[in-house]
Protein backbone atom coordinates (compact mmCIF):
# COMPACT_ATOMS: atom_id res chain seq x y z
CA MET A 1 41.71 23.53 85.65
CA SER A 2 38.59 22.82 87.53
CA GLN A 3 35.34 24.44 86.09
CA THR A 4 34.43 26.01 88.98
CA ARG A 5 38.18 27.41 89.64
CA LYS A 6 38.82 30.91 88.45
CA PRO A 7 42.15 31.34 87.05
CA TRP A 8 43.53 33.45 90.17
CA GLN A 9 41.80 31.33 93.06
CA GLY A 10 43.31 28.14 94.58
CA VAL A 11 47.09 27.88 95.78
CA HIS A 12 49.40 29.84 93.90
CA VAL A 13 52.68 29.61 95.04
CA ALA A 14 54.62 32.61 95.30
CA SER A 15 57.65 30.92 93.84
CA SER A 16 61.52 31.06 94.76
CA LEU A 17 63.88 31.82 91.67
CA GLN A 18 66.91 29.53 91.73
CA PHE A 19 70.34 31.02 90.98
CA ASN A 20 73.61 29.42 90.03
CA GLU A 21 76.59 30.52 92.10
CA ASP A 22 77.62 33.40 89.82
CA PHE A 23 74.26 34.97 90.53
CA SER A 24 72.71 33.92 87.03
CA ILE A 25 69.45 32.56 86.77
CA ASP A 26 69.10 28.61 86.67
CA TYR A 27 66.38 28.62 84.00
CA ASP A 28 66.40 24.90 84.17
CA ALA A 29 65.82 24.26 87.75
CA PHE A 30 63.39 26.95 88.01
CA ALA A 31 61.13 24.86 85.12
CA GLU A 32 61.80 21.73 87.21
CA HIS A 33 60.46 23.56 90.16
CA VAL A 34 57.48 24.71 88.34
CA ALA A 35 56.60 21.09 87.04
CA PHE A 36 57.32 19.93 90.69
CA LEU A 37 54.95 22.16 92.22
CA ALA A 38 52.34 21.06 89.29
CA ALA A 39 52.93 17.60 90.12
CA ASN A 40 52.24 17.66 93.67
CA GLY A 41 49.12 19.24 93.62
CA CYS A 42 49.50 22.91 93.46
CA ASP A 43 46.83 25.21 91.23
CA GLY A 44 49.15 27.50 90.09
CA ILE A 45 52.21 29.74 90.24
CA ALA A 46 52.94 33.39 91.05
CA PRO A 47 56.66 34.31 89.68
CA ASN A 48 58.33 37.80 89.93
CA GLY A 49 56.85 38.00 93.20
CA SER A 50 58.97 39.28 96.38
CA LEU A 51 60.11 36.10 97.03
CA GLY A 52 60.98 35.64 93.39
CA GLU A 53 63.51 38.83 94.02
CA TYR A 54 62.09 40.51 91.18
CA GLN A 55 63.56 43.78 92.48
CA ALA A 56 66.97 42.34 91.70
CA LEU A 57 66.48 40.94 87.92
CA SER A 58 66.80 43.15 84.90
CA GLU A 59 63.84 43.59 82.44
CA GLU A 60 65.17 40.59 80.06
CA GLU A 61 65.34 38.48 83.22
CA ARG A 62 62.02 39.32 84.30
CA ALA A 63 60.56 38.81 80.87
CA ARG A 64 62.24 35.29 80.56
CA VAL A 65 61.02 34.15 84.26
CA ILE A 66 57.50 34.64 82.98
CA THR A 67 58.08 32.70 79.57
CA THR A 68 59.66 30.06 81.27
CA ALA A 69 57.22 29.67 83.90
CA ILE A 70 54.47 29.44 81.16
CA ASP A 71 56.49 26.98 79.19
CA ALA A 72 56.71 24.82 82.17
CA ALA A 73 53.21 24.81 83.49
CA PRO A 74 51.01 21.44 82.47
CA ASP A 75 47.47 22.13 81.37
CA GLY A 76 45.14 23.14 84.54
CA PHE A 77 48.20 24.88 86.16
CA THR A 78 47.70 28.73 86.03
CA VAL A 79 50.48 31.49 86.13
CA MET A 80 49.91 34.68 87.73
CA ALA A 81 52.25 37.15 86.86
CA GLY A 82 53.85 39.38 89.27
CA ILE A 83 54.11 42.83 87.92
CA GLY A 84 55.07 45.12 90.98
CA SER A 85 56.45 48.20 89.49
CA TYR A 86 57.50 52.05 90.19
CA GLY A 87 54.47 53.24 88.14
CA GLY A 88 51.34 52.18 86.31
CA LEU A 89 53.20 52.97 83.27
CA GLN A 90 55.67 50.13 83.93
CA ALA A 91 53.51 47.85 85.54
CA ARG A 92 51.05 48.13 82.32
CA HIS A 93 54.61 47.46 80.14
CA TRP A 94 54.44 44.19 82.21
CA ALA A 95 50.89 43.42 82.25
CA ASN A 96 51.10 43.25 78.57
CA GLN A 97 54.13 41.15 78.51
CA ALA A 98 52.64 38.31 80.84
CA ALA A 99 49.37 38.30 78.72
CA GLU A 100 51.22 38.06 75.42
CA ALA A 101 53.19 35.16 76.81
CA GLY A 102 49.88 33.44 78.10
CA ALA A 103 49.81 33.98 81.91
CA SER A 104 46.06 33.60 83.22
CA SER A 105 46.08 36.48 85.54
CA VAL A 106 48.52 39.29 86.95
CA MET A 107 49.70 39.92 90.85
CA LEU A 108 49.95 44.11 91.20
CA LEU A 109 51.00 46.21 93.89
CA PRO A 110 50.25 49.89 94.42
CA PRO A 111 53.13 51.90 93.35
CA ASN A 112 56.25 50.70 95.22
CA ILE A 113 58.55 53.40 95.88
CA TYR A 114 56.10 56.69 96.17
CA ARG A 115 53.22 56.96 98.86
CA ALA A 116 50.67 57.32 96.51
CA ASN A 117 47.10 58.94 97.58
CA ASP A 118 44.08 57.14 96.72
CA ASP A 119 43.71 58.62 93.08
CA GLU A 120 46.81 58.03 92.40
CA VAL A 121 46.62 54.40 93.27
CA VAL A 122 43.51 54.03 91.08
CA GLU A 123 44.78 55.39 88.22
CA HIS A 124 47.91 52.99 88.74
CA TYR A 125 45.16 50.27 88.64
CA ARG A 126 43.36 51.54 85.69
CA LEU A 127 46.17 51.91 83.43
CA VAL A 128 46.97 48.11 84.02
CA ALA A 129 43.35 47.17 83.90
CA GLU A 130 43.28 48.79 80.20
CA VAL A 131 45.10 45.37 79.22
CA GLY A 132 42.21 43.20 79.83
CA ILE A 133 43.82 40.38 81.91
CA PRO A 134 42.48 39.87 85.31
CA VAL A 135 44.28 41.91 88.07
CA VAL A 136 44.85 40.64 91.78
CA ALA A 137 45.54 43.59 93.95
CA TYR A 138 48.61 42.96 96.12
CA ASN A 139 48.37 44.88 99.76
CA ASN A 140 51.72 45.05 101.24
CA PRO A 141 51.76 47.98 102.91
CA ILE A 142 55.08 47.21 105.04
CA ASP A 143 57.14 47.21 101.58
CA THR A 144 55.11 49.81 99.81
CA LYS A 145 53.89 52.49 102.04
CA VAL A 146 50.68 52.42 100.70
CA ASP A 147 47.59 50.52 101.99
CA LEU A 148 44.95 49.35 99.98
CA THR A 149 42.29 50.07 102.96
CA PRO A 150 39.11 48.20 102.51
CA LYS A 151 37.40 51.24 101.38
CA LEU A 152 39.98 51.75 98.59
CA ILE A 153 39.71 47.81 97.43
CA ALA A 154 36.01 48.51 97.13
CA ARG A 155 36.47 51.42 94.93
CA LEU A 156 38.73 49.35 92.75
CA PHE A 157 37.00 46.85 92.53
CA GLU A 158 33.58 48.76 91.95
CA ALA A 159 35.54 50.46 89.07
CA GLY A 160 36.33 47.30 87.22
CA TYR A 161 39.96 47.01 87.79
CA ILE A 162 40.44 44.38 90.12
CA VAL A 163 39.03 40.93 90.49
CA GLY A 164 40.52 40.14 93.76
CA VAL A 165 43.18 41.00 96.65
CA LYS A 166 46.09 39.27 97.97
CA GLU A 167 46.23 40.38 101.89
CA PHE A 168 49.52 40.68 103.33
CA THR A 169 48.65 42.93 106.25
CA GLY A 170 48.34 40.14 108.67
CA ASP A 171 45.00 41.83 109.95
CA VAL A 172 42.45 39.06 109.88
CA ARG A 173 39.62 41.75 110.65
CA ARG A 174 40.02 43.08 107.35
CA ALA A 175 38.60 40.04 105.46
CA TYR A 176 35.07 40.32 107.30
CA GLU A 177 35.25 44.60 106.41
CA ILE A 178 35.85 43.77 102.66
CA SER A 179 33.42 40.99 102.25
CA GLU A 180 30.80 43.34 103.51
CA LEU A 181 31.85 46.00 101.28
CA VAL A 182 32.45 43.97 98.30
CA PRO A 183 30.91 40.48 98.74
CA GLU A 184 31.92 39.43 95.27
CA LEU A 185 35.49 40.45 95.49
CA ASP A 186 37.85 37.46 95.93
CA LEU A 187 39.80 37.35 99.11
CA LEU A 188 43.45 35.55 98.74
CA ILE A 189 45.46 35.07 101.80
CA GLY A 190 48.72 36.43 101.74
CA THR A 191 50.48 35.45 104.67
CA ASP A 192 51.38 31.96 105.46
CA ASP A 193 50.83 32.46 108.86
CA SER A 194 47.09 33.45 108.92
CA VAL A 195 45.93 30.80 106.53
CA LEU A 196 43.47 29.21 109.04
CA GLU A 197 41.81 32.59 110.01
CA MET A 198 41.57 33.60 106.65
CA GLY A 199 40.12 30.68 105.46
CA VAL A 200 37.58 30.56 108.25
CA ALA A 201 37.08 34.15 107.04
CA GLY A 202 36.33 33.16 103.27
CA ALA A 203 39.46 33.15 101.37
CA VAL A 204 39.01 31.76 98.28
CA GLY A 205 42.96 31.34 97.09
CA TRP A 206 46.36 31.52 98.62
CA VAL A 207 49.35 33.10 97.58
CA SER A 208 51.72 31.27 99.63
CA GLY A 209 55.60 31.02 100.41
CA TYR A 210 56.25 28.04 102.43
CA THR A 211 54.46 25.82 99.74
CA ASN A 212 57.75 26.09 97.80
CA ALA A 213 59.33 23.67 100.12
CA PHE A 214 56.05 21.53 101.27
CA PRO A 215 53.55 21.60 98.43
CA GLN A 216 51.62 18.26 99.49
CA THR A 217 51.39 19.54 103.49
CA MET A 218 50.45 23.17 102.53
CA MET A 219 47.93 21.79 99.93
CA GLU A 220 46.17 19.75 102.54
CA LEU A 221 46.47 22.70 105.24
CA TYR A 222 44.63 25.17 102.86
CA ARG A 223 41.85 22.43 102.14
CA LEU A 224 41.04 21.87 105.48
CA SER A 225 41.04 25.70 106.62
CA THR A 226 38.65 26.10 103.48
CA SER A 227 36.33 23.14 102.86
CA GLY A 228 33.72 24.80 105.52
CA ASP A 229 33.43 21.43 107.00
CA LEU A 230 33.60 21.33 111.17
CA ASN A 231 35.78 18.10 110.87
CA ASP A 232 38.01 19.39 108.49
CA LEU A 233 38.59 22.60 110.87
CA GLU A 234 39.32 20.61 113.48
CA LYS A 235 42.03 18.75 111.49
CA ALA A 236 43.54 21.94 110.12
CA LYS A 237 43.95 23.60 113.70
CA SER A 238 46.01 20.76 114.51
CA LEU A 239 48.29 20.89 111.30
CA TYR A 240 48.29 24.61 112.00
CA ARG A 241 49.46 24.56 115.45
CA GLU A 242 52.33 22.16 114.70
CA SER A 243 53.26 24.36 111.40
CA HIS A 244 53.11 27.72 112.75
CA SER A 245 56.97 28.25 113.94
CA LEU A 246 57.62 27.41 110.55
CA LEU A 247 54.96 29.26 108.63
CA ARG A 248 55.79 32.41 110.92
CA TRP A 249 59.09 32.94 108.68
CA ASP A 250 57.19 33.92 105.71
CA THR A 251 56.67 37.25 107.37
CA LYS A 252 60.02 38.19 108.33
CA THR A 253 62.48 40.25 106.51
CA GLU A 254 64.66 37.31 105.87
CA PHE A 255 61.75 35.15 104.43
CA VAL A 256 63.32 34.93 101.14
CA GLN A 257 66.41 32.93 102.59
CA ALA A 258 64.20 31.34 105.32
CA ILE A 259 62.21 29.45 102.41
CA LYS A 260 65.25 28.80 100.15
CA LEU A 261 67.23 26.95 103.16
CA SER A 262 63.86 25.04 103.89
CA MET A 263 63.93 24.03 100.41
CA ASP A 264 67.19 22.99 100.53
CA LEU A 265 66.91 20.83 103.67
CA ALA A 266 63.80 19.05 101.79
CA GLY A 267 66.09 18.20 99.04
CA LEU A 268 65.02 20.90 96.52
CA LYS A 269 67.08 23.73 94.86
CA GLY A 270 66.66 26.90 97.14
CA GLY A 271 70.05 28.26 96.92
CA THR A 272 71.67 31.58 97.27
CA CYS A 273 69.83 34.73 96.72
CA ARG A 274 70.94 37.58 94.96
CA PRO A 275 72.09 41.21 96.53
CA PRO A 276 71.27 43.13 98.74
CA ARG A 277 69.84 39.87 100.34
CA GLY A 278 72.80 38.03 102.32
CA PRO A 279 73.45 34.93 104.26
CA LEU A 280 71.16 34.59 107.36
CA SER A 281 72.89 35.07 110.45
CA ALA A 282 73.88 31.90 112.73
CA GLU A 283 71.23 32.51 114.93
CA TYR A 284 68.43 32.57 112.53
CA HIS A 285 69.82 29.78 110.17
CA ALA A 286 69.93 27.34 113.37
CA ALA A 287 66.16 28.37 113.99
CA ILE A 288 64.77 27.65 110.64
CA THR A 289 66.62 24.46 110.28
CA ALA A 290 65.25 23.46 113.54
CA ASP A 291 61.68 24.38 112.40
CA THR A 292 62.32 22.69 108.83
CA GLU A 293 63.67 19.19 110.25
CA ALA A 294 60.76 19.27 112.70
CA ALA A 295 58.55 19.61 109.77
CA LEU A 296 60.23 16.69 107.91
CA ALA A 297 60.14 14.58 111.02
CA ARG A 298 56.49 14.92 110.89
CA GLY A 299 56.30 13.86 107.18
CA TYR A 300 55.79 16.96 105.85
CA LYS A 301 56.31 16.73 102.01
């Protein structure tokens, strides 16, 4: 790992999870995917996030996904374990498991079945911070119904409970408000279709979905979007514009199926999803296929 990169910075792939036809986890294929992402220049991986279908895993499976990722990760390739849970006690359990397994950091949603108030959210993060592993907050009010507003993020950071935030609202204006309130906090891009805007706004990391299918191209897009070089920015704008119809699938309800289909088309193992996620509609399948084939035709890899 670079001497200047903190373990939660850079591009961490919000990894998909490979299943067999009977819906059992194909751990060998998942380990191969971890190695593939590392070999193609990614900085790390974020397993057991929404894209990894963690909600549909047993406790044994969820723990093994983390240990498999860590065992497959080469030196310098960091693991940011997803520990989203119903409450702080469960999240603390998964933070302990990740820390003991060797993860470098964890990514934590607020309580994800309860519309917690600010004090309850702070307690949720306090319980996990006790473990001692760096915590990146994950703001996804669309799914959790709890919004980590800039003021609440600042409160969590000032209390010493988080080191950064993955911002998934898609509202780039928040990046500036967060940086005004807590300039030392690390901002991570949470939506693939805002990477350019968030890069310009000062993001130092990206928890990325479409990097599963096109790691080299997405790493280049991130580099161009965050370097601060005006020449790079012009190149980023071109690449971003041509890829945006593909990247938008990352924020659709069917994003897991979409990214797995793109992986299949790119010659990787995306495969099936576990229920409740079912097959794509014919319309969506055709649209995702067209966007992915266009990317392949441009040489994305």
